[in-house]
Amino acid sequence: SFNLFPHRTVLDNITLAPVRVRHRPRAQAQERARELLERVGLADQAFKRPPQLSGGQQQRVAIARALITRPQVIFADEPTGALDSRTGVALLEYLQQCSREQGQTIIMVTHDPKAAGYADRALVLSDGVIVDDVAQPSAEIMLASLGRLGA
């Protein structure tokens, strides 16, 4: 469910933390939220409520909410799981940009070798044990690494 408030708008769901917890001015938080909505492809959905959105759209709202305060570390569990491939690529490129330009650390869990290919480093786990440590992974390298697990 992405822990969105069903009776609040998309914009409210994203701005709740900066306004209420961090005591930021509402206008400042809304400007940043609109920027994020544009980046995740939901600029036209700001005044809808979560039940009016698809699962992929709700996932992108939750991602925008996670990014609004510009945290130093972002934990992302299958961030592209409910997204079509084009939207997923755009999101991964944006997360990569956040890491490179704003110095944010993204810790992502994924089963998707293409998604892992956007990382600067990938750890492959099997039964809770690190079985591969890949610097500068690509989709092909990750697919090969995961293929070795099945062998």
C-alpha atoms as a PDB file:
ATOM      1  CA  SER A   1       0.000   0.000   0.000  1.00  0.00           C
ATOM      2  CA  PHE A   2       3.101   2.243   0.158  1.00  0.00           C
ATOM      3  CA  ASN A   3       1.707   3.714   3.397  1.00  0.00           C
ATOM      4  CA  LEU A   4      -0.051   6.560   1.636  1.00  0.00           C
ATOM      5  CA  PHE A   5      -2.923   8.350   3.336  1.00  0.00           C
ATOM      6  CA  PRO A   6      -5.955   7.424   1.208  1.00  0.00           C
ATOM      7  CA  HIS A   7      -8.030  10.502   2.068  1.00  0.00           C
ATOM      8  CA  ARG A   8      -5.273  13.014   1.330  1.00  0.00           C
ATOM      9  CA  THR A   9      -4.168  14.224  -2.076  1.00  0.00           C
ATOM     10  CA  VAL A  10      -0.946  13.112  -3.710  1.00  0.00           C
ATOM     11  CA  LEU A  11       0.516  16.549  -2.970  1.00  0.00           C
ATOM     12  CA  ASP A  12      -0.479  16.296   0.711  1.00  0.00           C
ATOM     13  CA  ASN A  13       1.002  12.793   0.971  1.00  0.00           C
ATOM     14  CA  ILE A  14       4.336  14.072  -0.290  1.00  0.00           C
ATOM     15  CA  THR A  15       4.493  17.311   1.708  1.00  0.00           C
ATOM     16  CA  LEU A  16       3.300  15.989   5.051  1.00  0.00           C
ATOM     17  CA  ALA A  17       6.779  15.261   6.466  1.00  0.00           C
ATOM     18  CA  PRO A  18       8.521  18.509   5.511  1.00  0.00           C
ATOM     19  CA  VAL A  19       5.617  20.667   6.698  1.00  0.00           C
ATOM     20  CA  ARG A  20       4.612  18.863   9.900  1.00  0.00           C
ATOM     21  CA  VAL A  21       7.822  17.180  11.033  1.00  0.00           C
ATOM     22  CA  ARG A  22      10.525  19.493   9.737  1.00  0.00           C
ATOM     23  CA  HIS A  23       8.435  22.664  10.042  1.00  0.00           C
ATOM     24  CA  ARG A  24       9.170  23.859   6.494  1.00  0.00           C
ATOM     25  CA  PRO A  25       6.909  26.465   4.917  1.00  0.00           C
ATOM     26  CA  ARG A  26       4.046  24.819   3.005  1.00  0.00           C
ATOM     27  CA  ALA A  27       4.812  26.772  -0.179  1.00  0.00           C
ATOM     28  CA  GLN A  28       8.436  25.619  -0.141  1.00  0.00           C
ATOM     29  CA  ALA A  29       7.419  21.988   0.404  1.00  0.00           C
ATOM     30  CA  GLN A  30       4.773  22.160  -2.327  1.00  0.00           C
ATOM     31  CA  GLU A  31       7.274  23.610  -4.811  1.00  0.00           C
ATOM     32  CA  ARG A  32       9.688  20.747  -4.124  1.00  0.00           C
ATOM     33  CA  ALA A  33       6.833  18.210  -4.293  1.00  0.00           C
ATOM     34  CA  ARG A  34       5.727  19.532  -7.688  1.00  0.00           C
ATOM     35  CA  GLU A  35       9.317  19.257  -8.930  1.00  0.00           C
ATOM     36  CA  LEU A  36       9.441  15.643  -7.754  1.00  0.00           C
ATOM     37  CA  LEU A  37       6.057  14.848  -9.276  1.00  0.00           C
ATOM     38  CA  GLU A  38       7.374  16.143 -12.580  1.00  0.00           C
ATOM     39  CA  ARG A  39      10.498  13.966 -12.232  1.00  0.00           C
ATOM     40  CA  VAL A  40       8.489  10.804 -11.524  1.00  0.00           C
ATOM     41  CA  GLY A  41       5.982  11.528 -14.292  1.00  0.00           C
ATOM     42  CA  LEU A  42       2.987  12.425 -12.136  1.00  0.00           C
ATOM     43  CA  ALA A  43       2.752  16.205 -12.482  1.00  0.00           C
ATOM     44  CA  ASP A  44      -0.893  15.915 -13.551  1.00  0.00           C
ATOM     45  CA  GLN A  45      -1.877  13.754 -10.565  1.00  0.00           C
ATOM     46  CA  ALA A  46      -1.158  16.186  -7.699  1.00  0.00           C
ATOM     47  CA  PHE A  47      -4.774  16.577  -6.590  1.00  0.00           C
ATOM     48  CA  LYS A  48      -5.892  12.976  -6.928  1.00  0.00           C
ATOM     49  CA  ARG A  49      -6.093  10.641  -3.963  1.00  0.00           C
ATOM     50  CA  PRO A  50      -4.107   7.386  -3.798  1.00  0.00           C
ATOM     51  CA  PRO A  51      -7.125   5.095  -4.449  1.00  0.00           C
ATOM     52  CA  GLN A  52      -7.588   6.900  -7.772  1.00  0.00           C
ATOM     53  CA  LEU A  53      -4.073   5.901  -8.888  1.00  0.00           C
ATOM     54  CA  SER A  54      -2.626   2.679 -10.244  1.00  0.00           C
ATOM     55  CA  GLY A  55      -0.183   0.666  -8.153  1.00  0.00           C
ATOM     56  CA  GLY A  56       2.750   2.002 -10.172  1.00  0.00           C
ATOM     57  CA  GLN A  57       1.577   5.573  -9.703  1.00  0.00           C
ATOM     58  CA  GLN A  58       1.224   5.014  -5.949  1.00  0.00           C
ATOM     59  CA  GLN A  59       4.744   3.606  -5.890  1.00  0.00           C
ATOM     60  CA  ARG A  60       6.061   6.759  -7.561  1.00  0.00           C
ATOM     61  CA  VAL A  61       4.196   8.948  -5.045  1.00  0.00           C
ATOM     62  CA  ALA A  62       5.877   7.009  -2.232  1.00  0.00           C
ATOM     63  CA  ILE A  63       9.258   7.499  -3.909  1.00  0.00           C
ATOM     64  CA  ALA A  64       8.648  11.244  -4.262  1.00  0.00           C
ATOM     65  CA  ARG A  65       7.698  11.346  -0.574  1.00  0.00           C
ATOM     66  CA  ALA A  66      10.950   9.569   0.316  1.00  0.00           C
ATOM     67  CA  LEU A  67      12.994  12.031  -1.736  1.00  0.00           C
ATOM     68  CA  ILE A  68      11.360  15.313  -0.707  1.00  0.00           C
ATOM     69  CA  THR A  69      13.607  15.995   2.276  1.00  0.00           C
ATOM     70  CA  ARG A  70      16.759  15.138   0.283  1.00  0.00           C
ATOM     71  CA  PRO A  71      17.886  12.435   2.710  1.00  0.00           C
ATOM     72  CA  GLN A  72      21.518  11.363   2.715  1.00  0.00           C
ATOM     73  CA  VAL A  73      20.545   7.678   2.511  1.00  0.00           C
ATOM     74  CA  ILE A  74      17.573   6.193   0.679  1.00  0.00           C
ATOM     75  CA  PHE A  75      16.514   2.580   1.149  1.00  0.00           C
ATOM     76  CA  ALA A  76      14.616   1.286  -1.887  1.00  0.00           C
ATOM     77  CA  ASP A  77      13.043  -2.178  -1.901  1.00  0.00           C
ATOM     78  CA  GLU A  78      12.196  -3.107  -5.500  1.00  0.00           C
ATOM     79  CA  PRO A  79      11.602   0.545  -6.475  1.00  0.00           C
ATOM     80  CA  THR A  80      10.594  -0.413 -10.014  1.00  0.00           C
ATOM     81  CA  GLY A  81       8.524  -3.474  -9.079  1.00  0.00           C
ATOM     82  CA  ALA A  82       5.138  -2.010 -10.050  1.00  0.00           C
ATOM     83  CA  LEU A  83       6.382   0.085 -12.984  1.00  0.00           C
ATOM     84  CA  ASP A  84       6.435  -0.518 -16.720  1.00  0.00           C
ATOM     85  CA  SER A  85       9.911  -0.755 -18.232  1.00  0.00           C
ATOM     86  CA  ARG A  86      10.024   2.806 -19.651  1.00  0.00           C
ATOM     87  CA  THR A  87       8.905   4.398 -16.374  1.00  0.00           C
ATOM     88  CA  GLY A  88      11.259   2.126 -14.420  1.00  0.00           C
ATOM     89  CA  VAL A  89      14.248   3.202 -16.507  1.00  0.00           C
ATOM     90  CA  ALA A  90      13.345   6.886 -16.033  1.00  0.00           C
ATOM     91  CA  LEU A  91      13.095   6.374 -12.264  1.00  0.00           C
ATOM     92  CA  LEU A  92      16.406   4.493 -12.061  1.00  0.00           C
ATOM     93  CA  GLU A  93      18.099   7.234 -14.085  1.00  0.00           C
ATOM     94  CA  TYR A  94      16.707   9.834 -11.692  1.00  0.00           C
ATOM     95  CA  LEU A  95      17.891   7.903  -8.619  1.00  0.00           C
ATOM     96  CA  GLN A  96      21.308   7.563 -10.235  1.00  0.00           C
ATOM     97  CA  GLN A  97      21.316  11.325 -10.846  1.00  0.00           C
ATOM     98  CA  CYS A  98      20.391  11.953  -7.174  1.00  0.00           C
ATOM     99  CA  SER A  99      23.343   9.835  -6.141  1.00  0.00           C
ATOM    100  CA  ARG A 100      25.841  11.447  -8.471  1.00  0.00           C
ATOM    101  CA  GLU A 101      24.749  15.079  -8.286  1.00  0.00           C
ATOM    102  CA  GLN A 102      23.444  15.371  -4.728  1.00  0.00           C
ATOM    103  CA  GLY A 103      25.690  12.802  -3.071  1.00  0.00           C
ATOM    104  CA  GLN A 104      22.772  10.691  -1.875  1.00  0.00           C
ATOM    105  CA  THR A 105      23.426   7.045  -1.117  1.00  0.00           C
ATOM    106  CA  ILE A 106      20.822   4.690  -2.562  1.00  0.00           C
ATOM    107  CA  ILE A 107      20.638   1.216  -1.072  1.00  0.00           C
ATOM    108  CA  MET A 108      18.427  -0.796  -3.368  1.00  0.00           C
ATOM    109  CA  VAL A 109      17.161  -4.351  -3.101  1.00  0.00           C
ATOM    110  CA  THR A 110      16.150  -5.865  -6.420  1.00  0.00           C
ATOM    111  CA  HIS A 111      15.851  -9.125  -8.303  1.00  0.00           C
ATOM    112  CA  ASP A 112      16.068  -7.239 -11.608  1.00  0.00           C
ATOM    113  CA  PRO A 113      19.543  -7.391 -13.208  1.00  0.00           C
ATOM    114  CA  LYS A 114      18.708  -4.323 -15.329  1.00  0.00           C
ATOM    115  CA  ALA A 115      17.891  -2.301 -12.212  1.00  0.00           C
ATOM    116  CA  ALA A 116      21.064  -3.530 -10.501  1.00  0.00           C
ATOM    117  CA  GLY A 117      22.983  -2.333 -13.550  1.00  0.00           C
ATOM    118  CA  TYR A 118      22.315   1.275 -12.484  1.00  0.00           C
ATOM    119  CA  ALA A 119      24.311   0.812  -9.290  1.00  0.00           C
ATOM    120  CA  ASP A 120      27.911   1.767  -8.648  1.00  0.00           C
ATOM    121  CA  ARG A 121      28.316  -1.468  -6.723  1.00  0.00           C
ATOM    122  CA  ALA A 122      26.177  -4.583  -6.355  1.00  0.00           C
ATOM    123  CA  LEU A 123      26.267  -7.263  -3.717  1.00  0.00           C
ATOM    124  CA  VAL A 124      24.680 -10.575  -4.703  1.00  0.00           C
ATOM    125  CA  LEU A 125      23.201 -12.554  -1.834  1.00  0.00           C
ATOM    126  CA  SER A 126      22.153 -16.176  -1.644  1.00  0.00           C
ATOM    127  CA  ASP A 127      20.570 -17.507   1.524  1.00  0.00           C
ATOM    128  CA  GLY A 128      21.739 -14.421   3.410  1.00  0.00           C
ATOM    129  CA  VAL A 129      25.388 -14.777   2.355  1.00  0.00           C
ATOM    130  CA  ILE A 130      27.247 -12.425  -0.009  1.00  0.00           C
ATOM    131  CA  VAL A 131      28.319 -14.579  -2.967  1.00  0.00           C
ATOM    132  CA  ASP A 132      29.461 -11.840  -5.339  1.00  0.00           C
ATOM    133  CA  ASP A 133      30.624  -8.231  -5.052  1.00  0.00           C
ATOM    134  CA  VAL A 134      30.429  -6.439  -8.388  1.00  0.00           C
ATOM    135  CA  ALA A 135      32.014  -3.029  -8.939  1.00  0.00           C
ATOM    136  CA  GLN A 136      30.424  -1.023 -11.779  1.00  0.00           C
ATOM    137  CA  PRO A 137      27.756  -3.618 -12.593  1.00  0.00           C
ATOM    138  CA  SER A 138      25.880  -3.771 -15.871  1.00  0.00           C
ATOM    139  CA  ALA A 139      22.711  -5.694 -16.650  1.00  0.00           C
ATOM    140  CA  GLU A 140      24.783  -8.322 -18.483  1.00  0.00           C
ATOM    141  CA  ILE A 141      27.275  -8.751 -15.631  1.00  0.00           C
ATOM    142  CA  MET A 142      24.449  -9.015 -13.084  1.00  0.00           C
ATOM    143  CA  LEU A 143      22.583 -11.550 -15.225  1.00  0.00           C
ATOM    144  CA  ALA A 144      25.732 -13.663 -15.421  1.00  0.00           C
ATOM    145  CA  SER A 145      26.299 -13.362 -11.679  1.00  0.00           C
ATOM    146  CA  LEU A 146      22.729 -14.393 -10.922  1.00  0.00           C
ATOM    147  CA  GLY A 147      22.994 -17.207 -13.487  1.00  0.00           C
ATOM    148  CA  ARG A 148      25.920 -18.679 -11.573  1.00  0.00           C
ATOM    149  CA  LEU A 149      23.638 -19.013  -8.535  1.00  0.00           C
ATOM    150  CA  GLY A 150      21.428 -21.444 -10.415  1.00  0.00           C
ATOM    151  CA  ALA A 151      24.344 -23.543 -11.642  1.00  0.00           C
END
